[in-house]
Protein backbone atom coordinates (compact mmCIF):
# COMPACT_ATOMS: atom_id res chain seq x y z
CA MET A 1 -13.47 -140.54 -133.14
CA SER A 2 -15.62 -138.90 -135.76
CA ALA A 3 -19.14 -137.58 -135.42
CA TYR A 4 -21.73 -136.54 -137.95
CA ILE A 5 -22.28 -132.81 -137.86
CA ALA A 6 -25.23 -131.50 -139.84
CA SER A 7 -24.43 -129.19 -142.74
CA ASP A 8 -26.42 -126.28 -141.30
CA LEU A 9 -24.44 -126.53 -138.04
CA ARG A 10 -21.19 -126.69 -140.03
CA ARG A 11 -22.23 -123.53 -141.89
CA ARG A 12 -23.07 -121.76 -138.61
CA ILE A 13 -19.66 -122.64 -137.17
CA ARG A 14 -17.81 -121.50 -140.31
CA ASP A 15 -19.72 -118.21 -140.35
CA HIS A 16 -19.29 -117.66 -136.61
CA PHE A 17 -15.51 -117.94 -136.93
CA ASP A 18 -15.50 -115.92 -140.17
CA HIS A 19 -13.90 -118.84 -142.04
CA CYS A 20 -10.72 -118.49 -139.93
CA CYS A 21 -9.06 -120.96 -137.61
CA ALA A 22 -10.43 -120.24 -134.14
CA TYR A 23 -6.94 -120.77 -132.71
CA CYS A 24 -4.23 -119.36 -135.03
CA HIS A 25 -6.61 -117.06 -136.96
CA THR A 26 -5.40 -118.24 -140.34
CA ALA A 27 -7.98 -117.43 -143.00
CA GLU A 28 -9.10 -120.58 -144.81
CA ARG A 29 -9.23 -118.71 -148.13
CA LEU A 30 -5.46 -118.19 -147.94
CA THR A 31 -4.71 -121.91 -147.75
CA VAL A 32 -5.04 -124.97 -149.93
CA VAL A 33 -6.67 -127.08 -147.21
CA THR A 34 -10.21 -127.39 -145.96
CA PHE A 35 -10.57 -126.41 -142.32
CA GLU A 36 -12.20 -128.81 -139.91
CA ILE A 37 -14.99 -128.65 -137.38
CA GLU A 38 -13.26 -129.30 -134.06
CA HIS A 39 -14.72 -130.47 -130.76
CA ILE A 40 -13.33 -128.05 -128.17
CA TRP A 41 -14.14 -130.46 -125.35
CA PRO A 42 -13.25 -133.77 -127.00
CA MET A 43 -15.84 -136.45 -127.62
CA SER A 44 -13.55 -138.91 -125.83
CA ALA A 45 -14.12 -136.83 -122.68
CA GLY A 46 -17.87 -136.54 -123.20
CA GLY A 47 -17.92 -133.47 -125.45
CA GLN A 48 -21.01 -133.12 -127.57
CA SER A 49 -21.50 -132.08 -131.20
CA VAL A 50 -23.35 -128.88 -130.29
CA PHE A 51 -22.66 -125.31 -131.39
CA GLU A 52 -21.19 -124.30 -128.01
CA ASN A 53 -18.59 -127.08 -128.20
CA LEU A 54 -17.54 -126.71 -131.83
CA CYS A 55 -15.17 -124.40 -133.64
CA LEU A 56 -13.42 -124.10 -136.98
CA ALA A 57 -9.77 -125.17 -136.90
CA CYS A 58 -7.03 -125.48 -139.45
CA PRO A 59 -5.84 -129.09 -139.73
CA ILE A 60 -2.49 -128.35 -138.05
CA CYS A 61 -3.95 -126.66 -134.96
CA ASN A 62 -6.56 -129.41 -134.77
CA ARG A 63 -3.89 -132.14 -134.89
CA HIS A 64 -1.73 -130.46 -132.25
CA LYS A 65 -4.72 -129.90 -129.97
CA ALA A 66 -5.96 -133.47 -130.42
CA ASP A 67 -7.94 -134.38 -127.29
CA ARG A 68 -6.15 -131.96 -124.97
CA THR A 69 -8.02 -129.53 -122.74
CA VAL A 70 -5.05 -128.36 -120.63
CA ALA A 71 -1.39 -127.51 -121.18
CA ILE A 72 1.55 -126.02 -119.31
CA ASP A 73 2.14 -122.27 -119.23
CA PHE A 74 5.94 -122.27 -119.37
CA THR A 75 6.13 -118.81 -117.80
CA SER A 76 4.43 -119.86 -114.56
CA GLY A 77 4.90 -123.63 -114.79
CA ASP A 78 1.19 -124.07 -114.08
CA GLU A 79 -1.14 -126.40 -115.90
CA VAL A 80 -3.99 -124.30 -117.31
CA GLU A 81 -7.03 -124.85 -119.50
CA LEU A 82 -6.52 -124.29 -123.20
CA PHE A 83 -8.23 -121.38 -124.93
CA HIS A 84 -11.91 -122.18 -125.48
CA PRO A 85 -12.96 -120.47 -128.74
CA GLN A 86 -16.66 -120.41 -127.89
CA ARG A 87 -16.30 -119.22 -124.31
CA ASP A 88 -13.19 -117.01 -124.48
CA ARG A 89 -12.48 -113.91 -126.55
CA TRP A 90 -9.37 -114.29 -128.72
CA THR A 91 -8.19 -110.74 -128.02
CA ASP A 92 -8.35 -111.31 -124.26
CA HIS A 93 -5.76 -114.09 -124.50
CA PHE A 94 -3.76 -113.30 -127.64
CA ASP A 95 -2.27 -110.41 -129.55
CA TRP A 96 -0.04 -110.01 -132.60
CA ASN A 97 3.59 -108.92 -132.45
CA GLU A 98 4.41 -105.65 -134.18
CA ASP A 99 4.77 -107.13 -137.69
CA PHE A 100 1.73 -109.44 -137.26
CA SER A 101 3.78 -112.57 -137.91
CA GLU A 102 3.63 -114.10 -134.43
CA ILE A 103 0.85 -114.60 -131.93
CA VAL A 104 1.73 -113.37 -128.46
CA GLY A 105 0.09 -114.79 -125.35
CA ARG A 106 -1.46 -112.18 -123.08
CA THR A 107 -2.49 -114.69 -120.41
CA ALA A 108 -1.36 -118.04 -119.07
CA ARG A 109 -4.16 -119.67 -121.10
CA GLY A 110 -2.98 -117.87 -124.23
CA ARG A 111 0.68 -118.79 -123.73
CA ALA A 112 -0.14 -122.43 -123.00
CA THR A 113 -2.39 -122.65 -126.08
CA ILE A 114 0.26 -121.10 -128.34
CA ALA A 115 2.83 -123.64 -127.16
CA ALA A 116 0.54 -126.69 -127.21
CA LEU A 117 -0.88 -125.99 -130.67
CA GLN A 118 2.44 -124.69 -132.03
CA MET A 119 0.67 -121.60 -133.32
CA ASN A 120 3.95 -119.87 -134.21
CA ARG A 121 5.46 -122.61 -136.32
CA PRO A 122 8.35 -121.22 -138.44
CA GLN A 123 6.50 -121.98 -141.68
CA LEU A 124 3.41 -120.13 -140.45
CA ILE A 125 5.45 -117.10 -139.35
CA ARG A 126 7.03 -116.96 -142.80
CA ILE A 127 3.72 -117.17 -144.65
CA ARG A 128 2.12 -114.60 -142.33
CA ARG A 129 4.86 -112.15 -143.34
CA ILE A 130 4.00 -112.76 -146.98
CA TRP A 131 0.27 -112.33 -146.27
CA VAL A 132 0.98 -109.04 -144.46
CA ALA A 133 3.01 -107.82 -147.45
CA ILE A 134 0.06 -108.43 -149.77
CA ALA A 135 -2.45 -106.96 -147.28
CA GLU A 136 -4.20 -110.26 -146.54
CA HIS A 137 -3.29 -110.52 -142.84
CA PRO A 138 -4.16 -110.17 -140.01
CA PRO A 139 -7.82 -111.08 -140.19
CA THR A 140 -10.27 -108.55 -138.81
CA THR A 141 -12.23 -111.03 -136.70
CA ASP A 142 -11.75 -110.92 -132.93
CA GLN A 143 -13.49 -114.16 -132.06
């Protein structure tokens, strides 16, 4: 389901997330795709097109998230809510490994989100290593 989102609201969302994916923290300027405005709580579940329910997402994270709001934390086996980019702080739930190529879950919510959205896809790990080598990663935002 698609919804019209006014251009000024789109701009606010892009600026708020510093033009990075709210989930995997990929910087849009490093890619060849346009990032999408994503409904954190899906419209199919009653989510609204308001600032507090929108974030910027790369197309791959957005596709993997789809209309999900929960996922399994494979460490505990518990079903937990996914990371909510407007309500949660990224650095409370995620960290980078020592070479900044992989996102590490610090909480059950972080681990479940990493798995559900496949935030450490092999291709993304490889390109993150290249971005680190040319001093373009990690982003400085801590949304």
